[in-house]
Amino acid sequence: MTTKGTPGRMVRIDDETWAAYGELCAEEGTSRADDMRRHVHARVKAWRAAQRKTAAAS
């Protein structure tokens, strides 16, 4: 099932790490999906900024 028109993605993570990650996210008041989404968005934003900086320097 997808939400807000975005496709679902599959990742492979061992059960022990996945369970601990769920506990960590719950303590922080977020979901694993939201935490991963924010992480990916931040990484892509930084990468795009670096790409623009490189292009401007050329």
PDB file of N, CA and C in Angstrom:
ATOM      1  N   MET A   1       0.845  -1.183   0.000  1.00  0.00           N
ATOM      2  CA  MET A   1       0.000   0.000   0.000  1.00  0.00           C
ATOM      3  C   MET A   1       0.884   1.238   0.000  1.00  0.00           C
ATOM      4  N   THR A   2       0.467   2.247  -0.722  1.00  0.00           N
ATOM      5  CA  THR A   2       1.209   3.495  -0.757  1.00  0.00           C
ATOM      6  C   THR A   2       0.400   4.596  -0.088  1.00  0.00           C
ATOM      7  N   THR A   3       1.092   5.656   0.242  1.00  0.00           N
ATOM      8  CA  THR A   3       0.412   6.807   0.819  1.00  0.00           C
ATOM      9  C   THR A   3       0.771   8.049   0.035  1.00  0.00           C
ATOM     10  N   LYS A   4      -0.162   8.959  -0.052  1.00  0.00           N
ATOM     11  CA  LYS A   4       0.058  10.244  -0.701  1.00  0.00           C
ATOM     12  C   LYS A   4       0.605  10.096  -2.114  1.00  0.00           C
ATOM     13  N   GLY A   5       0.245   9.021  -2.803  1.00  0.00           N
ATOM     14  CA  GLY A   5       0.653   8.845  -4.182  1.00  0.00           C
ATOM     15  C   GLY A   5       2.100   8.437  -4.385  1.00  0.00           C
ATOM     16  N   THR A   6       2.810   8.108  -3.319  1.00  0.00           N
ATOM     17  CA  THR A   6       4.198   7.688  -3.475  1.00  0.00           C
ATOM     18  C   THR A   6       4.282   6.168  -3.477  1.00  0.00           C
ATOM     19  N   PRO A   7       5.148   5.614  -4.310  1.00  0.00           N
ATOM     20  CA  PRO A   7       5.271   4.159  -4.350  1.00  0.00           C
ATOM     21  C   PRO A   7       5.975   3.611  -3.114  1.00  0.00           C
ATOM     22  N   GLY A   8       5.619   2.394  -2.726  1.00  0.00           N
ATOM     23  CA  GLY A   8       6.306   1.728  -1.635  1.00  0.00           C
ATOM     24  C   GLY A   8       7.673   1.247  -2.110  1.00  0.00           C
ATOM     25  N   ARG A   9       8.625   1.177  -1.213  1.00  0.00           N
ATOM     26  CA  ARG A   9       9.973   0.701  -1.530  1.00  0.00           C
ATOM     27  C   ARG A   9      10.315  -0.442  -0.592  1.00  0.00           C
ATOM     28  N   MET A  10      11.155  -1.334  -1.049  1.00  0.00           N
ATOM     29  CA  MET A  10      11.562  -2.458  -0.224  1.00  0.00           C
ATOM     30  C   MET A  10      13.031  -2.296   0.153  1.00  0.00           C
ATOM     31  N   VAL A  11      13.325  -2.496   1.420  1.00  0.00           N
ATOM     32  CA  VAL A  11      14.712  -2.518   1.869  1.00  0.00           C
ATOM     33  C   VAL A  11      14.936  -3.824   2.622  1.00  0.00           C
ATOM     34  N   ARG A  12      16.160  -4.286   2.640  1.00  0.00           N
ATOM     35  CA  ARG A  12      16.492  -5.526   3.344  1.00  0.00           C
ATOM     36  C   ARG A  12      17.339  -5.164   4.555  1.00  0.00           C
ATOM     37  N   ILE A  13      16.784  -5.417   5.740  1.00  0.00           N
ATOM     38  CA  ILE A  13      17.462  -5.134   7.002  1.00  0.00           C
ATOM     39  C   ILE A  13      17.173  -6.305   7.928  1.00  0.00           C
ATOM     40  N   ASP A  14      18.192  -6.768   8.628  1.00  0.00           N
ATOM     41  CA  ASP A  14      17.988  -7.925   9.501  1.00  0.00           C
ATOM     42  C   ASP A  14      16.969  -7.601  10.596  1.00  0.00           C
ATOM     43  N   ASP A  15      16.322  -8.643  11.103  1.00  0.00           N
ATOM     44  CA  ASP A  15      15.231  -8.486  12.065  1.00  0.00           C
ATOM     45  C   ASP A  15      15.652  -7.758  13.338  1.00  0.00           C
ATOM     46  N   GLU A  16      16.833  -8.084  13.869  1.00  0.00           N
ATOM     47  CA  GLU A  16      17.285  -7.466  15.121  1.00  0.00           C
ATOM     48  C   GLU A  16      17.475  -5.958  14.950  1.00  0.00           C
ATOM     49  N   THR A  17      18.110  -5.553  13.870  1.00  0.00           N
ATOM     50  CA  THR A  17      18.320  -4.126  13.614  1.00  0.00           C
ATOM     51  C   THR A  17      16.998  -3.421  13.360  1.00  0.00           C
ATOM     52  N   TRP A  18      16.097  -4.063  12.617  1.00  0.00           N
ATOM     53  CA  TRP A  18      14.792  -3.475  12.303  1.00  0.00           C
ATOM     54  C   TRP A  18      13.988  -3.236  13.580  1.00  0.00           C
ATOM     55  N   ALA A  19      14.015  -4.219  14.475  1.00  0.00           N
ATOM     56  CA  ALA A  19      13.285  -4.082  15.744  1.00  0.00           C
ATOM     57  C   ALA A  19      13.870  -2.945  16.583  1.00  0.00           C
ATOM     58  N   ALA A  20      15.199  -2.890  16.672  1.00  0.00           N
ATOM     59  CA  ALA A  20      15.839  -1.820  17.445  1.00  0.00           C
ATOM     60  C   ALA A  20      15.555  -0.458  16.821  1.00  0.00           C
ATOM     61  N   TYR A  21      15.561  -0.396  15.500  1.00  0.00           N
ATOM     62  CA  TYR A  21      15.256   0.852  14.806  1.00  0.00           C
ATOM     63  C   TYR A  21      13.824   1.293  15.105  1.00  0.00           C
ATOM     64  N   GLY A  22      12.906   0.347  15.172  1.00  0.00           N
ATOM     65  CA  GLY A  22      11.522   0.660  15.527  1.00  0.00           C
ATOM     66  C   GLY A  22      11.424   1.239  16.928  1.00  0.00           C
ATOM     67  N   GLU A  23      12.175   0.666  17.862  1.00  0.00           N
ATOM     68  CA  GLU A  23      12.190   1.198  19.233  1.00  0.00           C
ATOM     69  C   GLU A  23      12.769   2.604  19.259  1.00  0.00           C
ATOM     70  N   LEU A  24      13.875   2.802  18.555  1.00  0.00           N
ATOM     71  CA  LEU A  24      14.513   4.119  18.493  1.00  0.00           C
ATOM     72  C   LEU A  24      13.541   5.158  17.957  1.00  0.00           C
ATOM     73  N   CYS A  25      12.891   4.847  16.839  1.00  0.00           N
ATOM     74  CA  CYS A  25      11.947   5.787  16.234  1.00  0.00           C
ATOM     75  C   CYS A  25      10.766   6.062  17.164  1.00  0.00           C
ATOM     76  N   ALA A  26      10.264   5.031  17.826  1.00  0.00           N
ATOM     77  CA  ALA A  26       9.145   5.221  18.754  1.00  0.00           C
ATOM     78  C   ALA A  26       9.544   6.168  19.886  1.00  0.00           C
ATOM     79  N   GLU A  27      10.749   6.006  20.408  1.00  0.00           N
ATOM     80  CA  GLU A  27      11.231   6.905  21.467  1.00  0.00           C
ATOM     81  C   GLU A  27      11.340   8.340  20.979  1.00  0.00           C
ATOM     82  N   GLU A  28      11.642   8.509  19.688  1.00  0.00           N
ATOM     83  CA  GLU A  28      11.754   9.846  19.113  1.00  0.00           C
ATOM     84  C   GLU A  28      10.416  10.377  18.610  1.00  0.00           C
ATOM     85  N   GLY A  29       9.369   9.568  18.722  1.00  0.00           N
ATOM     86  CA  GLY A  29       8.036  10.004  18.317  1.00  0.00           C
ATOM     87  C   GLY A  29       7.834  10.052  16.813  1.00  0.00           C
ATOM     88  N   THR A  30       8.518   9.188  16.093  1.00  0.00           N
ATOM     89  CA  THR A  30       8.371   9.147  14.647  1.00  0.00           C
ATOM     90  C   THR A  30       8.230   7.696  14.203  1.00  0.00           C
ATOM     91  N   SER A  31       8.027   7.512  12.934  1.00  0.00           N
ATOM     92  CA  SER A  31       7.958   6.148  12.381  1.00  0.00           C
ATOM     93  C   SER A  31       9.242   5.867  11.616  1.00  0.00           C
ATOM     94  N   ARG A  32       9.498   4.606  11.388  1.00  0.00           N
ATOM     95  CA  ARG A  32      10.672   4.242  10.594  1.00  0.00           C
ATOM     96  C   ARG A  32      10.566   4.858   9.203  1.00  0.00           C
ATOM     97  N   ALA A  33       9.391   4.780   8.609  1.00  0.00           N
ATOM     98  CA  ALA A  33       9.209   5.313   7.252  1.00  0.00           C
ATOM     99  C   ALA A  33       9.492   6.809   7.216  1.00  0.00           C
ATOM    100  N   ASP A  34       8.955   7.553   8.181  1.00  0.00           N
ATOM    101  CA  ASP A  34       9.186   8.998   8.201  1.00  0.00           C
ATOM    102  C   ASP A  34      10.654   9.312   8.448  1.00  0.00           C
ATOM    103  N   ASP A  35      11.297   8.582   9.337  1.00  0.00           N
ATOM    104  CA  ASP A  35      12.711   8.814   9.620  1.00  0.00           C
ATOM    105  C   ASP A  35      13.561   8.551   8.377  1.00  0.00           C
ATOM    106  N   MET A  36      13.293   7.449   7.692  1.00  0.00           N
ATOM    107  CA  MET A  36      14.052   7.145   6.472  1.00  0.00           C
ATOM    108  C   MET A  36      13.785   8.180   5.389  1.00  0.00           C
ATOM    109  N   ARG A  37      12.522   8.579   5.252  1.00  0.00           N
ATOM    110  CA  ARG A  37      12.169   9.581   4.241  1.00  0.00           C
ATOM    111  C   ARG A  37      12.912  10.888   4.498  1.00  0.00           C
ATOM    112  N   ARG A  38      12.948  11.339   5.769  1.00  0.00           N
ATOM    113  CA  ARG A  38      13.662  12.579   6.100  1.00  0.00           C
ATOM    114  C   ARG A  38      15.162  12.438   5.839  1.00  0.00           C
ATOM    115  N   HIS A  39      15.716  11.280   6.159  1.00  0.00           N
ATOM    116  CA  HIS A  39      17.140  11.038   5.921  1.00  0.00           C
ATOM    117  C   HIS A  39      17.456  11.106   4.427  1.00  0.00           C
ATOM    118  N   VAL A  40      16.657  10.431   3.618  1.00  0.00           N
ATOM    119  CA  VAL A  40      16.886  10.422   2.176  1.00  0.00           C
ATOM    120  C   VAL A  40      16.739  11.821   1.600  1.00  0.00           C
ATOM    121  N   HIS A  41      15.718  12.553   2.017  1.00  0.00           N
ATOM    122  CA  HIS A  41      15.522  13.921   1.518  1.00  0.00           C
ATOM    123  C   HIS A  41      16.720  14.805   1.874  1.00  0.00           C
ATOM    124  N   ALA A  42      17.229  14.687   3.084  1.00  0.00           N
ATOM    125  CA  ALA A  42      18.386  15.492   3.503  1.00  0.00           C
ATOM    126  C   ALA A  42      19.616  15.146   2.678  1.00  0.00           C
ATOM    127  N   ARG A  43      19.844  13.858   2.440  1.00  0.00           N
ATOM    128  CA  ARG A  43      21.011  13.436   1.647  1.00  0.00           C
ATOM    129  C   ARG A  43      20.915  13.943   0.217  1.00  0.00           C
ATOM    130  N   VAL A  44      19.718  13.828  -0.388  1.00  0.00           N
ATOM    131  CA  VAL A  44      19.533  14.284  -1.768  1.00  0.00           C
ATOM    132  C   VAL A  44      19.683  15.799  -1.840  1.00  0.00           C
ATOM    133  N   LYS A  45      19.148  16.520  -0.879  1.00  0.00           N
ATOM    134  CA  LYS A  45      19.277  17.984  -0.854  1.00  0.00           C
ATOM    135  C   LYS A  45      20.751  18.393  -0.805  1.00  0.00           C
ATOM    136  N   ALA A  46      21.534  17.744   0.042  1.00  0.00           N
ATOM    137  CA  ALA A  46      22.969  18.047   0.153  1.00  0.00           C
ATOM    138  C   ALA A  46      23.695  17.695  -1.144  1.00  0.00           C
ATOM    139  N   TRP A  47      23.355  16.577  -1.747  1.00  0.00           N
ATOM    140  CA  TRP A  47      23.977  16.158  -2.998  1.00  0.00           C
ATOM    141  C   TRP A  47      23.669  17.151  -4.117  1.00  0.00           C
ATOM    142  N   ARG A  48      22.409  17.583  -4.199  1.00  0.00           N
ATOM    143  CA  ARG A  48      22.025  18.547  -5.236  1.00  0.00           C
ATOM    144  C   ARG A  48      22.751  19.875  -5.036  1.00  0.00           C
ATOM    145  N   ALA A  49      22.899  20.307  -3.795  1.00  0.00           N
ATOM    146  CA  ALA A  49      23.625  21.547  -3.523  1.00  0.00           C
ATOM    147  C   ALA A  49      25.075  21.431  -3.963  1.00  0.00           C
ATOM    148  N   ALA A  50      25.694  20.288  -3.692  1.00  0.00           N
ATOM    149  CA  ALA A  50      27.073  20.057  -4.120  1.00  0.00           C
ATOM    150  C   ALA A  50      27.169  20.030  -5.643  1.00  0.00           C
ATOM    151  N   GLN A  51      26.186  19.441  -6.305  1.00  0.00           N
ATOM    152  CA  GLN A  51      26.167  19.411  -7.770  1.00  0.00           C
ATOM    153  C   GLN A  51      26.080  20.817  -8.342  1.00  0.00           C
ATOM    154  N   ARG A  52      25.219  21.658  -7.740  1.00  0.00           N
ATOM    155  CA  ARG A  52      25.084  23.043  -8.210  1.00  0.00           C
ATOM    156  C   ARG A  52      26.382  23.813  -7.993  1.00  0.00           C
ATOM    157  N   LYS A  53      27.018  23.584  -6.849  1.00  0.00           N
ATOM    158  CA  LYS A  53      28.279  24.266  -6.542  1.00  0.00           C
ATOM    159  C   LYS A  53      29.360  23.859  -7.541  1.00  0.00           C
ATOM    160  N   THR A  54      29.424  22.585  -7.863  1.00  0.00           N
ATOM    161  CA  THR A  54      30.404  22.097  -8.837  1.00  0.00           C
ATOM    162  C   THR A  54      30.128  22.693 -10.213  1.00  0.00           C
ATOM    163  N   ALA A  55      28.860  22.739 -10.600  1.00  0.00           N
ATOM    164  CA  ALA A  55      28.495  23.284 -11.904  1.00  0.00           C
ATOM    165  C   ALA A  55      28.814  24.767 -11.983  1.00  0.00           C
ATOM    166  N   ALA A  56      28.592  25.489 -10.899  1.00  0.00           N
ATOM    167  CA  ALA A  56      28.865  26.931 -10.882  1.00  0.00           C
ATOM    168  C   ALA A  56      30.361  27.212 -10.956  1.00  0.00           C
ATOM    169  N   ALA A  57      31.169  26.312 -10.420  1.00  0.00           N
ATOM    170  CA  ALA A  57      32.618  26.498 -10.421  1.00  0.00           C
ATOM    171  C   ALA A  57      33.236  26.200 -11.788  1.00  0.00           C
ATOM    172  N   SER A  58      32.479  25.502 -12.635  1.00  0.00           N
ATOM    173  CA  SER A  58      33.014  25.111 -13.957  1.00  0.00           C
ATOM    174  C   SER A  58      32.971  26.246 -14.951  1.00  0.00           C
TER     175      SER A  58
END
